[in-house]
Amino acid sequence: EEHSSQMEHDRFLSDRDKVVGYVPQVRMDAILD
């Protein structure tokens, strides 16, 4: 979950994200050359 004081300026946020106060995100990790 991303919590930020700058959320209201993020054009990719859904209305749901703005109401609940955080952005649901995923983090991908991989070990590579």
PDB file of all heavy atoms in Angstrom:
ATOM      1  N   GLU A   1       0.849  -1.185   0.000  1.00  0.00           N
ATOM      2  CA  GLU A   1       0.000   0.000   0.000  1.00  0.00           C
ATOM      3  C   GLU A   1       0.884   1.234   0.000  1.00  0.00           C
ATOM      4  O   GLU A   1       1.804   1.335   0.799  1.00  0.00           O
ATOM      5  CB  GLU A   1      -0.878   0.034   1.254  1.00  0.00           C
ATOM      6  CG  GLU A   1      -1.818  -1.124   1.385  1.00  0.00           C
ATOM      7  CD  GLU A   1      -2.551  -1.119   2.719  1.00  0.00           C
ATOM      8  OE1 GLU A   1      -2.261  -0.264   3.589  1.00  0.00           O
ATOM      9  OE2 GLU A   1      -3.414  -1.989   2.894  1.00  0.00           O
ATOM     10  N   GLU A   2       0.585   2.163  -0.894  1.00  0.00           N
ATOM     11  CA  GLU A   2       1.313   3.429  -0.912  1.00  0.00           C
ATOM     12  C   GLU A   2       0.501   4.474  -0.164  1.00  0.00           C
ATOM     13  O   GLU A   2      -0.679   4.681  -0.450  1.00  0.00           O
ATOM     14  CB  GLU A   2       1.550   3.916  -2.334  1.00  0.00           C
ATOM     15  CG  GLU A   2       2.241   5.270  -2.362  1.00  0.00           C
ATOM     16  CD  GLU A   2       2.351   5.859  -3.756  1.00  0.00           C
ATOM     17  OE1 GLU A   2       1.815   5.274  -4.711  1.00  0.00           O
ATOM     18  OE2 GLU A   2       2.969   6.924  -3.872  1.00  0.00           O
ATOM     19  N   HIS A   3       1.133   5.135   0.775  1.00  0.00           N
ATOM     20  CA  HIS A   3       0.536   6.261   1.495  1.00  0.00           C
ATOM     21  C   HIS A   3       1.395   7.480   1.175  1.00  0.00           C
ATOM     22  O   HIS A   3       2.611   7.435   1.328  1.00  0.00           O
ATOM     23  CB  HIS A   3       0.540   5.996   3.011  1.00  0.00           C
ATOM     24  CG  HIS A   3      -0.304   4.821   3.393  1.00  0.00           C
ATOM     25  ND1 HIS A   3      -1.583   4.958   3.858  1.00  0.00           N
ATOM     26  CD2 HIS A   3      -0.051   3.486   3.358  1.00  0.00           C
ATOM     27  CE1 HIS A   3      -2.090   3.765   4.113  1.00  0.00           C
ATOM     28  NE2 HIS A   3      -1.180   2.856   3.808  1.00  0.00           N
ATOM     29  N   SER A   4       0.768   8.554   0.728  1.00  0.00           N
ATOM     30  CA  SER A   4       1.527   9.732   0.329  1.00  0.00           C
ATOM     31  C   SER A   4       0.688  10.988   0.530  1.00  0.00           C
ATOM     32  O   SER A   4      -0.519  10.985   0.283  1.00  0.00           O
ATOM     33  CB  SER A   4       1.921   9.620  -1.151  1.00  0.00           C
ATOM     34  OG  SER A   4       2.482  10.826  -1.608  1.00  0.00           O
ATOM     35  N   SER A   5       1.352  12.054   0.920  1.00  0.00           N
ATOM     36  CA  SER A   5       0.660  13.334   1.051  1.00  0.00           C
ATOM     37  C   SER A   5       0.393  13.956  -0.316  1.00  0.00           C
ATOM     38  O   SER A   5      -0.345  14.921  -0.432  1.00  0.00           O
ATOM     39  CB  SER A   5       1.491  14.292   1.904  1.00  0.00           C
ATOM     40  OG  SER A   5       2.739  14.532   1.281  1.00  0.00           O
ATOM     41  N   GLN A   6       0.977  13.393  -1.366  1.00  0.00           N
ATOM     42  CA  GLN A   6       0.817  13.904  -2.724  1.00  0.00           C
ATOM     43  C   GLN A   6      -0.253  13.158  -3.520  1.00  0.00           C
ATOM     44  O   GLN A   6      -0.390  13.348  -4.714  1.00  0.00           O
ATOM     45  CB  GLN A   6       2.157  13.795  -3.471  1.00  0.00           C
ATOM     46  CG  GLN A   6       3.299  14.509  -2.795  1.00  0.00           C
ATOM     47  CD  GLN A   6       3.046  15.996  -2.660  1.00  0.00           C
ATOM     48  OE1 GLN A   6       2.587  16.639  -3.597  1.00  0.00           O
ATOM     49  NE2 GLN A   6       3.310  16.547  -1.492  1.00  0.00           N
ATOM     50  N   MET A   7      -1.032  12.303  -2.860  1.00  0.00           N
ATOM     51  CA  MET A   7      -1.988  11.452  -3.566  1.00  0.00           C
ATOM     52  C   MET A   7      -2.999  12.228  -4.395  1.00  0.00           C
ATOM     53  O   MET A   7      -3.353  11.804  -5.489  1.00  0.00           O
ATOM     54  CB  MET A   7      -2.734  10.546  -2.591  1.00  0.00           C
ATOM     55  CG  MET A   7      -1.916   9.378  -2.139  1.00  0.00           C
ATOM     56  SD  MET A   7      -2.791   8.277  -1.014  1.00  0.00           S
ATOM     57  CE  MET A   7      -4.373   8.094  -1.751  1.00  0.00           C
ATOM     58  N   GLU A   8      -3.454  13.370  -3.924  1.00  0.00           N
ATOM     59  CA  GLU A   8      -4.495  14.094  -4.653  1.00  0.00           C
ATOM     60  C   GLU A   8      -4.008  14.599  -6.013  1.00  0.00           C
ATOM     61  O   GLU A   8      -4.801  14.944  -6.874  1.00  0.00           O
ATOM     62  CB  GLU A   8      -5.051  15.254  -3.821  1.00  0.00           C
ATOM     63  CG  GLU A   8      -4.046  16.349  -3.525  1.00  0.00           C
ATOM     64  CD  GLU A   8      -3.203  16.097  -2.281  1.00  0.00           C
ATOM     65  OE1 GLU A   8      -3.339  15.038  -1.660  1.00  0.00           O
ATOM     66  OE2 GLU A   8      -2.397  16.974  -1.936  1.00  0.00           O
ATOM     67  N   HIS A   9      -2.692  14.623  -6.244  1.00  0.00           N
ATOM     68  CA  HIS A   9      -2.124  15.099  -7.504  1.00  0.00           C
ATOM     69  C   HIS A   9      -1.822  13.961  -8.481  1.00  0.00           C
ATOM     70  O   HIS A   9      -1.384  14.217  -9.591  1.00  0.00           O
ATOM     71  CB  HIS A   9      -0.848  15.899  -7.246  1.00  0.00           C
ATOM     72  CG  HIS A   9      -1.052  17.043  -6.301  1.00  0.00           C
ATOM     73  ND1 HIS A   9      -1.885  18.110  -6.590  1.00  0.00           N
ATOM     74  CD2 HIS A   9      -0.560  17.268  -5.068  1.00  0.00           C
ATOM     75  CE1 HIS A   9      -1.881  18.950  -5.570  1.00  0.00           C
ATOM     76  NE2 HIS A   9      -1.091  18.465  -4.634  1.00  0.00           N
ATOM     77  N   ASP A  10      -2.056  12.734  -8.073  1.00  0.00           N
ATOM     78  CA  ASP A  10      -1.730  11.573  -8.902  1.00  0.00           C
ATOM     79  C   ASP A  10      -2.885  11.286  -9.847  1.00  0.00           C
ATOM     80  O   ASP A  10      -3.958  10.876  -9.438  1.00  0.00           O
ATOM     81  CB  ASP A  10      -1.452  10.358  -8.008  1.00  0.00           C
ATOM     82  CG  ASP A  10      -0.901   9.178  -8.776  1.00  0.00           C
ATOM     83  OD1 ASP A  10      -1.142   9.086 -10.005  1.00  0.00           O
ATOM     84  OD2 ASP A  10      -0.232   8.337  -8.151  1.00  0.00           O
ATOM     85  N   ARG A  11      -2.696  11.485 -11.146  1.00  0.00           N
ATOM     86  CA  ARG A  11      -3.763  11.319 -12.128  1.00  0.00           C
ATOM     87  C   ARG A  11      -4.130   9.868 -12.379  1.00  0.00           C
ATOM     88  O   ARG A  11      -5.120   9.575 -13.028  1.00  0.00           O
ATOM     89  CB  ARG A  11      -3.399  12.018 -13.431  1.00  0.00           C
ATOM     90  CG  ARG A  11      -2.162  11.488 -14.098  1.00  0.00           C
ATOM     91  CD  ARG A  11      -1.768  12.391 -15.278  1.00  0.00           C
ATOM     92  NE  ARG A  11      -0.463  12.041 -15.763  1.00  0.00           N
ATOM     93  CZ  ARG A  11      -0.249  11.304 -16.841  1.00  0.00           C
ATOM     94  NH1 ARG A  11      -1.259  10.888 -17.558  1.00  0.00           N
ATOM     95  NH2 ARG A  11       0.966  11.014 -17.221  1.00  0.00           N
ATOM     96  N   PHE A  12      -3.346   8.912 -11.870  1.00  0.00           N
ATOM     97  CA  PHE A  12      -3.637   7.501 -12.079  1.00  0.00           C
ATOM     98  C   PHE A  12      -4.479   6.892 -10.961  1.00  0.00           C
ATOM     99  O   PHE A  12      -4.844   5.738 -11.019  1.00  0.00           O
ATOM    100  CB  PHE A  12      -2.344   6.700 -12.235  1.00  0.00           C
ATOM    101  CG  PHE A  12      -1.577   7.091 -13.462  1.00  0.00           C
ATOM    102  CD1 PHE A  12      -0.414   7.837 -13.360  1.00  0.00           C
ATOM    103  CD2 PHE A  12      -2.030   6.743 -14.720  1.00  0.00           C
ATOM    104  CE1 PHE A  12       0.281   8.215 -14.489  1.00  0.00           C
ATOM    105  CE2 PHE A  12      -1.347   7.125 -15.854  1.00  0.00           C
ATOM    106  CZ  PHE A  12      -0.179   7.860 -15.739  1.00  0.00           C
ATOM    107  N   LEU A  13      -4.792   7.681  -9.939  1.00  0.00           N
ATOM    108  CA  LEU A  13      -5.584   7.154  -8.837  1.00  0.00           C
ATOM    109  C   LEU A  13      -7.042   6.992  -9.228  1.00  0.00           C
ATOM    110  O   LEU A  13      -7.608   7.833  -9.913  1.00  0.00           O
ATOM    111  CB  LEU A  13      -5.504   8.090  -7.633  1.00  0.00           C
ATOM    112  CG  LEU A  13      -4.151   8.231  -6.952  1.00  0.00           C
ATOM    113  CD1 LEU A  13      -4.269   9.187  -5.780  1.00  0.00           C
ATOM    114  CD2 LEU A  13      -3.632   6.897  -6.506  1.00  0.00           C
ATOM    115  N   SER A  14      -7.622   5.919  -8.757  1.00  0.00           N
ATOM    116  CA  SER A  14      -9.061   5.735  -8.951  1.00  0.00           C
ATOM    117  C   SER A  14      -9.785   6.494  -7.834  1.00  0.00           C
ATOM    118  O   SER A  14      -9.188   6.897  -6.837  1.00  0.00           O
ATOM    119  CB  SER A  14      -9.417   4.254  -8.888  1.00  0.00           C
ATOM    120  OG  SER A  14      -9.246   3.762  -7.569  1.00  0.00           O
ATOM    121  N   ASP A  15     -11.088   6.656  -8.002  1.00  0.00           N
ATOM    122  CA  ASP A  15     -11.879   7.286  -6.944  1.00  0.00           C
ATOM    123  C   ASP A  15     -11.779   6.469  -5.663  1.00  0.00           C
ATOM    124  O   ASP A  15     -11.712   7.016  -4.566  1.00  0.00           O
ATOM    125  CB  ASP A  15     -13.341   7.419  -7.374  1.00  0.00           C
ATOM    126  CG  ASP A  15     -13.519   8.473  -8.457  1.00  0.00           C
ATOM    127  OD1 ASP A  15     -12.659   9.372  -8.562  1.00  0.00           O
ATOM    128  OD2 ASP A  15     -14.516   8.396  -9.189  1.00  0.00           O
ATOM    129  N   ARG A  16     -11.762   5.142  -5.795  1.00  0.00           N
ATOM    130  CA  ARG A  16     -11.633   4.265  -4.628  1.00  0.00           C
ATOM    131  C   ARG A  16     -10.341   4.548  -3.867  1.00  0.00           C
ATOM    132  O   ARG A  16     -10.333   4.654  -2.649  1.00  0.00           O
ATOM    133  CB  ARG A  16     -11.661   2.797  -5.070  1.00  0.00           C
ATOM    134  CG  ARG A  16     -11.499   1.835  -3.903  1.00  0.00           C
ATOM    135  CD  ARG A  16     -10.654   0.618  -4.332  1.00  0.00           C
ATOM    136  NE  ARG A  16     -10.324  -0.187  -3.203  1.00  0.00           N
ATOM    137  CZ  ARG A  16      -9.194  -0.083  -2.509  1.00  0.00           C
ATOM    138  NH1 ARG A  16      -8.285   0.799  -2.824  1.00  0.00           N
ATOM    139  NH2 ARG A  16      -8.955  -0.853  -1.481  1.00  0.00           N
ATOM    140  N   ASP A  17      -9.227   4.697  -4.599  1.00  0.00           N
ATOM    141  CA  ASP A  17      -7.934   4.978  -3.968  1.00  0.00           C
ATOM    142  C   ASP A  17      -7.995   6.266  -3.152  1.00  0.00           C
ATOM    143  O   ASP A  17      -7.478   6.343  -2.037  1.00  0.00           O
ATOM    144  CB  ASP A  17      -6.823   5.117  -5.011  1.00  0.00           C
ATOM    145  CG  ASP A  17      -6.597   3.857  -5.836  1.00  0.00           C
ATOM    146  OD1 ASP A  17      -7.036   2.770  -5.410  1.00  0.00           O
ATOM    147  OD2 ASP A  17      -5.981   3.970  -6.906  1.00  0.00           O
ATOM    148  N   LYS A  18      -8.642   7.275  -3.710  1.00  0.00           N
ATOM    149  CA  LYS A  18      -8.729   8.569  -3.027  1.00  0.00           C
ATOM    150  C   LYS A  18      -9.580   8.471  -1.764  1.00  0.00           C
ATOM    151  O   LYS A  18      -9.279   9.107  -0.760  1.00  0.00           O
ATOM    152  CB  LYS A  18      -9.291   9.624  -3.972  1.00  0.00           C
ATOM    153  CG  LYS A  18      -8.347   9.942  -5.113  1.00  0.00           C
ATOM    154  CD  LYS A  18      -8.978  10.889  -6.112  1.00  0.00           C
ATOM    155  CE  LYS A  18      -8.053  11.129  -7.288  1.00  0.00           C
ATOM    156  NZ  LYS A  18      -8.673  11.920  -8.336  1.00  0.00           N
ATOM    157  N   VAL A  19     -10.622   7.652  -1.798  1.00  0.00           N
ATOM    158  CA  VAL A  19     -11.516   7.525  -0.643  1.00  0.00           C
ATOM    159  C   VAL A  19     -10.849   6.739   0.491  1.00  0.00           C
ATOM    160  O   VAL A  19     -10.914   7.145   1.644  1.00  0.00           O
ATOM    161  CB  VAL A  19     -12.851   6.854  -1.052  1.00  0.00           C
ATOM    162  CG1 VAL A  19     -13.672   6.483   0.165  1.00  0.00           C
ATOM    163  CG2 VAL A  19     -13.633   7.777  -1.964  1.00  0.00           C
ATOM    164  N   VAL A  20     -10.199   5.612   0.159  1.00  0.00           N
ATOM    165  CA  VAL A  20      -9.617   4.783   1.223  1.00  0.00           C
ATOM    166  C   VAL A  20      -8.315   5.355   1.766  1.00  0.00           C
ATOM    167  O   VAL A  20      -7.881   4.986   2.846  1.00  0.00           O
ATOM    168  CB  VAL A  20      -9.416   3.310   0.787  1.00  0.00           C
ATOM    169  CG1 VAL A  20     -10.726   2.665   0.441  1.00  0.00           C
ATOM    170  CG2 VAL A  20      -8.436   3.199  -0.355  1.00  0.00           C
ATOM    171  N   GLY A  21      -7.678   6.256   1.024  1.00  0.00           N
ATOM    172  CA  GLY A  21      -6.507   6.943   1.537  1.00  0.00           C
ATOM    173  C   GLY A  21      -5.178   6.260   1.266  1.00  0.00           C
ATOM    174  O   GLY A  21      -4.151   6.673   1.773  1.00  0.00           O
ATOM    175  N   TYR A  22      -5.189   5.221   0.468  1.00  0.00           N
ATOM    176  CA  TYR A  22      -3.931   4.592   0.067  1.00  0.00           C
ATOM    177  C   TYR A  22      -4.104   4.009  -1.323  1.00  0.00           C
ATOM    178  O   TYR A  22      -5.208   3.840  -1.811  1.00  0.00           O
ATOM    179  CB  TYR A  22      -3.482   3.525   1.054  1.00  0.00           C
ATOM    180  CG  TYR A  22      -4.385   2.308   1.106  1.00  0.00           C
ATOM    181  CD1 TYR A  22      -4.197   1.237   0.239  1.00  0.00           C
ATOM    182  CD2 TYR A  22      -5.424   2.232   2.017  1.00  0.00           C
ATOM    183  CE1 TYR A  22      -5.027   0.138   0.276  1.00  0.00           C
ATOM    184  CE2 TYR A  22      -6.256   1.129   2.068  1.00  0.00           C
ATOM    185  CZ  TYR A  22      -6.046   0.079   1.189  1.00  0.00           C
ATOM    186  OH  TYR A  22      -6.872  -1.013   1.228  1.00  0.00           O
ATOM    187  N   VAL A  23      -2.977   3.690  -1.943  1.00  0.00           N
ATOM    188  CA  VAL A  23      -2.992   3.136  -3.286  1.00  0.00           C
ATOM    189  C   VAL A  23      -2.559   1.674  -3.218  1.00  0.00           C
ATOM    190  O   VAL A  23      -1.452   1.379  -2.762  1.00  0.00           O
ATOM    191  CB  VAL A  23      -2.033   3.914  -4.213  1.00  0.00           C
ATOM    192  CG1 VAL A  23      -2.070   3.350  -5.617  1.00  0.00           C
ATOM    193  CG2 VAL A  23      -2.365   5.395  -4.208  1.00  0.00           C
ATOM    194  N   PRO A  24      -3.411   0.744  -3.649  1.00  0.00           N
ATOM    195  CA  PRO A  24      -3.027  -0.659  -3.671  1.00  0.00           C
ATOM    196  C   PRO A  24      -2.038  -0.902  -4.819  1.00  0.00           C
ATOM    197  O   PRO A  24      -2.331  -0.585  -5.972  1.00  0.00           O
ATOM    198  CB  PRO A  24      -4.347  -1.394  -3.892  1.00  0.00           C
ATOM    199  CG  PRO A  24      -5.218  -0.415  -4.606  1.00  0.00           C
ATOM    200  CD  PRO A  24      -4.787   0.942  -4.124  1.00  0.00           C
ATOM    201  N   GLN A  25      -0.880  -1.404  -4.473  1.00  0.00           N
ATOM    202  CA  GLN A  25       0.149  -1.633  -5.472  1.00  0.00           C
ATOM    203  C   GLN A  25       0.733  -3.029  -5.306  1.00  0.00           C
ATOM    204  O   GLN A  25       0.485  -3.699  -4.301  1.00  0.00           O
ATOM    205  CB  GLN A  25       1.248  -0.581  -5.352  1.00  0.00           C
ATOM    206  CG  GLN A  25       0.734   0.808  -5.618  1.00  0.00           C
ATOM    207  CD  GLN A  25       1.830   1.823  -5.774  1.00  0.00           C
ATOM    208  OE1 GLN A  25       2.985   1.593  -5.479  1.00  0.00           O
ATOM    209  NE2 GLN A  25       1.460   2.992  -6.262  1.00  0.00           N
ATOM    210  N   VAL A  26       1.499  -3.441  -6.302  1.00  0.00           N
ATOM    211  CA  VAL A  26       2.241  -4.691  -6.211  1.00  0.00           C
ATOM    212  C   VAL A  26       3.704  -4.392  -6.482  1.00  0.00           C
ATOM    213  O   VAL A  26       4.040  -3.484  -7.255  1.00  0.00           O
ATOM    214  CB  VAL A  26       1.733  -5.772  -7.196  1.00  0.00           C
ATOM    215  CG1 VAL A  26       0.353  -6.259  -6.794  1.00  0.00           C
ATOM    216  CG2 VAL A  26       1.747  -5.295  -8.619  1.00  0.00           C
ATOM    217  N   ARG A  27       4.533  -5.148  -5.806  1.00  0.00           N
ATOM    218  CA  ARG A  27       5.978  -5.046  -6.003  1.00  0.00           C
ATOM    219  C   ARG A  27       6.454  -6.369  -6.577  1.00  0.00           C
ATOM    220  O   ARG A  27       6.129  -7.436  -6.050  1.00  0.00           O
ATOM    221  CB  ARG A  27       6.679  -4.764  -4.689  1.00  0.00           C
ATOM    222  CG  ARG A  27       8.185  -4.789  -4.789  1.00  0.00           C
ATOM    223  CD  ARG A  27       8.824  -4.436  -3.476  1.00  0.00           C
ATOM    224  NE  ARG A  27      10.220  -4.803  -3.476  1.00  0.00           N
ATOM    225  CZ  ARG A  27      11.064  -4.505  -2.515  1.00  0.00           C
ATOM    226  NH1 ARG A  27      10.630  -3.837  -1.453  1.00  0.00           N
ATOM    227  NH2 ARG A  27      12.313  -4.874  -2.587  1.00  0.00           N
ATOM    228  N   MET A  28       7.193  -6.295  -7.672  1.00  0.00           N
ATOM    229  CA  MET A  28       7.763  -7.462  -8.298  1.00  0.00           C
ATOM    230  C   MET A  28       9.250  -7.458  -8.010  1.00  0.00           C
ATOM    231  O   MET A  28       9.912  -6.419  -8.118  1.00  0.00           O
ATOM    232  CB  MET A  28       7.522  -7.416  -9.812  1.00  0.00           C
ATOM    233  CG  MET A  28       7.989  -8.651 -10.583  1.00  0.00           C
ATOM    234  SD  MET A  28       9.765  -8.921 -10.823  1.00  0.00           S
ATOM    235  CE  MET A  28      10.318  -7.436 -11.616  1.00  0.00           C
ATOM    236  N   ASP A  29       9.777  -8.605  -7.614  1.00  0.00           N
ATOM    237  CA  ASP A  29      11.216  -8.775  -7.395  1.00  0.00           C
ATOM    238  C   ASP A  29      11.696  -9.971  -8.198  1.00  0.00           C
ATOM    239  O   ASP A  29      11.014 -11.002  -8.254  1.00  0.00           O
ATOM    240  CB  ASP A  29      11.520  -9.023  -5.915  1.00  0.00           C
ATOM    241  CG  ASP A  29      11.255  -7.804  -5.058  1.00  0.00           C
ATOM    242  OD1 ASP A  29      11.924  -6.783  -5.269  1.00  0.00           O
ATOM    243  OD2 ASP A  29      10.382  -7.881  -4.179  1.00  0.00           O
ATOM    244  N   ALA A  30      12.875  -9.816  -8.819  1.00  0.00           N
ATOM    245  CA  ALA A  30      13.491 -10.912  -9.559  1.00  0.00           C
ATOM    246  C   ALA A  30      15.005 -10.770  -9.485  1.00  0.00           C
ATOM    247  O   ALA A  30      15.527  -9.653  -9.470  1.00  0.00           O
ATOM    248  CB  ALA A  30      13.041 -10.904 -11.012  1.00  0.00           C
ATOM    249  N   ILE A  31      15.690 -11.907  -9.410  1.00  0.00           N
ATOM    250  CA  ILE A  31      17.145 -11.940  -9.448  1.00  0.00           C
ATOM    251  C   ILE A  31      17.544 -12.317 -10.875  1.00  0.00           C
ATOM    252  O   ILE A  31      17.133 -13.359 -11.392  1.00  0.00           O
ATOM    253  CB  ILE A  31      17.712 -12.975  -8.447  1.00  0.00           C
ATOM    254  CG1 ILE A  31      17.190 -12.718  -7.034  1.00  0.00           C
ATOM    255  CG2 ILE A  31      19.243 -12.989  -8.501  1.00  0.00           C
ATOM    256  CD1 ILE A  31      17.594 -11.404  -6.431  1.00  0.00           C
ATOM    257  N   LEU A  32      18.350 -11.457 -11.499  1.00  0.00           N
ATOM    258  CA  LEU A  32      18.670 -11.622 -12.921  1.00  0.00           C
ATOM    259  C   LEU A  32      20.119 -11.262 -13.203  1.00  0.00           C
ATOM    260  O   LEU A  32      20.778 -10.608 -12.386  1.00  0.00           O
ATOM    261  CB  LEU A  32      17.779 -10.700 -13.763  1.00  0.00           C
ATOM    262  CG  LEU A  32      16.284 -10.786 -13.562  1.00  0.00           C
ATOM    263  CD1 LEU A  32      15.597  -9.576 -14.162  1.00  0.00           C
ATOM    264  CD2 LEU A  32      15.767 -12.060 -14.182  1.00  0.00           C
ATOM    265  N   ASP A  33      20.586 -11.637 -14.391  1.00  0.00           N
ATOM    266  CA  ASP A  33      21.876 -11.149 -14.871  1.00  0.00           C
ATOM    267  C   ASP A  33      21.727  -9.675 -15.226  1.00  0.00           C
ATOM    268  O   ASP A  33      20.637  -9.229 -15.608  1.00  0.00           O
ATOM    269  CB  ASP A  33      22.318 -11.917 -16.121  1.00  0.00           C
ATOM    270  CG  ASP A  33      22.649 -13.367 -15.829  1.00  0.00           C
ATOM    271  OD1 ASP A  33      23.187 -13.646 -14.742  1.00  0.00           O
ATOM    272  OD2 ASP A  33      22.357 -14.213 -16.698  1.00  0.00           O
TER     273      ASP A  33
END
